[in-house]
């Protein structure tokens, strides 16, 4: 989940509520099992690890402040490494699906090229 959140933040800074909605739209059935609490816990862990930073806060009337998170250079490097990673000898299909969906949604990599790289590694 951390890598998918980082990939979504690579496209644009976001707050937890927006990230949750984007992940659900992008991941289909995989995203249905995610709850907002997981997103906020993940963002806190990523911030502690130095992979994201709170860029600003947004306020809406009668709503709690929302922290808008952005990637740090270390977070950008981690996303790039995750997308380049090939599962060997057997890919974790759920993670591979997550990678394809996140890469396509954030327009970070060509999903067809990710499949081709995985295929080359396995053959």
Protein backbone atom coordinates (compact mmCIF):
# COMPACT_ATOMS: atom_id res chain seq x y z
CA UNK A 1 0.00 0.00 0.00
CA UNK A 2 2.85 2.41 0.77
CA UNK A 3 4.19 2.22 -2.76
CA UNK A 4 0.76 2.83 -4.29
CA UNK A 5 0.27 5.91 -2.08
CA UNK A 6 3.71 7.18 -3.09
CA UNK A 7 2.89 6.61 -6.76
CA UNK A 8 -0.32 8.63 -6.44
CA UNK A 9 1.59 11.44 -4.75
CA UNK A 10 4.13 11.39 -7.58
CA UNK A 11 1.39 12.63 -9.89
CA UNK A 12 0.27 15.46 -7.60
CA UNK A 13 0.29 16.42 -3.92
CA UNK A 14 -2.89 15.29 -2.15
CA UNK A 15 -4.60 14.97 1.20
CA UNK A 16 -5.72 11.62 2.61
CA UNK A 17 -9.36 11.85 1.57
CA UNK A 18 -8.46 12.64 -2.05
CA UNK A 19 -5.81 9.88 -2.10
CA UNK A 20 -8.34 7.35 -0.84
CA UNK A 21 -10.81 8.28 -3.59
CA UNK A 22 -8.11 8.13 -6.29
CA UNK A 23 -6.87 4.75 -5.11
CA UNK A 24 -10.38 3.32 -5.05
CA UNK A 25 -11.06 4.56 -8.59
CA UNK A 26 -7.71 3.34 -9.90
CA UNK A 27 -7.57 -0.06 -8.24
CA UNK A 28 -11.10 -1.31 -8.74
CA UNK A 29 -11.67 -4.39 -6.57
CA UNK A 30 -8.29 -4.07 -4.88
CA UNK A 31 -9.21 -0.56 -3.78
CA UNK A 32 -12.58 -1.56 -2.35
CA UNK A 33 -10.97 -3.16 0.69
CA UNK A 34 -9.02 -0.02 1.64
CA UNK A 35 -10.41 2.25 4.28
CA UNK A 36 -9.52 5.88 4.89
CA UNK A 37 -7.88 5.04 8.20
CA UNK A 38 -5.29 2.92 6.39
CA UNK A 39 -4.42 5.86 4.17
CA UNK A 40 -3.84 8.21 7.10
CA UNK A 41 -1.74 5.65 8.99
CA UNK A 42 0.29 5.04 5.82
CA UNK A 43 0.84 8.79 5.30
CA UNK A 44 2.05 9.15 8.89
CA UNK A 45 4.52 6.28 8.44
CA UNK A 46 5.75 7.67 5.13
CA UNK A 47 6.24 11.09 6.71
CA UNK A 48 8.24 9.57 9.58
CA UNK A 49 10.36 7.69 7.04
CA UNK A 50 11.14 10.93 5.20
CA UNK A 51 9.38 9.85 1.99
CA UNK A 52 6.60 12.48 2.12
CA UNK A 53 6.23 15.89 3.69
CA UNK A 54 3.20 17.95 4.62
CA UNK A 55 3.32 20.66 1.97
CA UNK A 56 0.43 22.74 3.32
CA UNK A 57 -2.92 22.52 5.06
CA UNK A 58 -6.31 23.22 3.53
CA UNK A 59 -9.25 24.52 5.51
CA UNK A 60 -12.90 24.24 4.62
CA UNK A 61 -15.73 25.75 6.66
CA UNK A 62 -16.90 23.41 9.41
CA UNK A 63 -14.36 20.75 8.45
CA UNK A 64 -11.09 19.71 10.06
CA UNK A 65 -7.89 20.94 8.43
CA UNK A 66 -6.52 18.66 5.76
CA UNK A 67 -2.80 18.08 5.38
CA UNK A 68 -1.66 18.05 1.76
CA UNK A 69 1.30 15.71 1.30
CA UNK A 70 3.99 15.76 -1.37
CA UNK A 71 6.89 13.45 -2.15
CA UNK A 72 10.39 14.18 -0.97
CA UNK A 73 13.34 13.35 -3.25
CA UNK A 74 13.70 10.07 -1.32
CA UNK A 75 10.02 9.33 -2.00
CA UNK A 76 10.51 9.99 -5.71
CA UNK A 77 13.47 7.59 -5.75
CA UNK A 78 11.45 4.91 -3.99
CA UNK A 79 8.59 5.18 -6.54
CA UNK A 80 11.06 4.89 -9.42
CA UNK A 81 12.73 1.85 -7.83
CA UNK A 82 9.37 0.18 -7.16
CA UNK A 83 8.23 0.63 -10.75
CA UNK A 84 11.53 -0.72 -12.08
CA UNK A 85 11.43 -3.77 -9.75
CA UNK A 86 10.59 -7.08 -11.42
CA UNK A 87 9.19 -9.98 -9.40
CA UNK A 88 11.39 -13.04 -9.69
CA UNK A 89 11.06 -15.99 -9.78
CA UNK A 90 7.31 -15.58 -9.37
CA UNK A 91 5.62 -12.19 -9.23
CA UNK A 92 3.16 -11.36 -6.48
CA UNK A 93 0.11 -10.86 -8.68
CA UNK A 94 -1.73 -8.55 -6.27
CA UNK A 95 1.32 -6.29 -6.00
CA UNK A 96 1.88 -6.41 -9.75
CA UNK A 97 -1.75 -5.38 -10.34
CA UNK A 98 -1.30 -2.58 -7.81
CA UNK A 99 1.84 -1.44 -9.61
CA UNK A 100 0.14 -1.47 -13.02
CA UNK A 101 -2.90 0.44 -11.78
CA UNK A 102 -0.86 3.00 -9.85
CA UNK A 103 1.56 3.55 -12.74
CA UNK A 104 -1.30 4.08 -15.17
CA UNK A 105 -3.33 6.33 -12.84
CA UNK A 106 -0.36 8.52 -11.97
CA UNK A 107 1.01 8.35 -15.55
CA UNK A 108 4.42 7.39 -14.20
CA UNK A 109 5.13 4.47 -16.49
CA UNK A 110 3.62 2.66 -19.42
CA UNK A 111 1.76 -0.38 -18.04
CA UNK A 112 2.45 -2.26 -21.29
CA UNK A 113 6.18 -1.76 -20.75
CA UNK A 114 5.88 -2.97 -17.15
CA UNK A 115 4.19 -6.15 -18.38
CA UNK A 116 6.84 -6.58 -21.08
CA UNK A 117 9.66 -6.18 -18.53
CA UNK A 118 8.04 -8.75 -16.23
CA UNK A 119 7.57 -11.12 -19.16
CA UNK A 120 11.21 -10.75 -20.28
CA UNK A 121 12.36 -11.55 -16.76
CA UNK A 122 10.21 -14.66 -16.50
CA UNK A 123 11.01 -16.15 -19.91
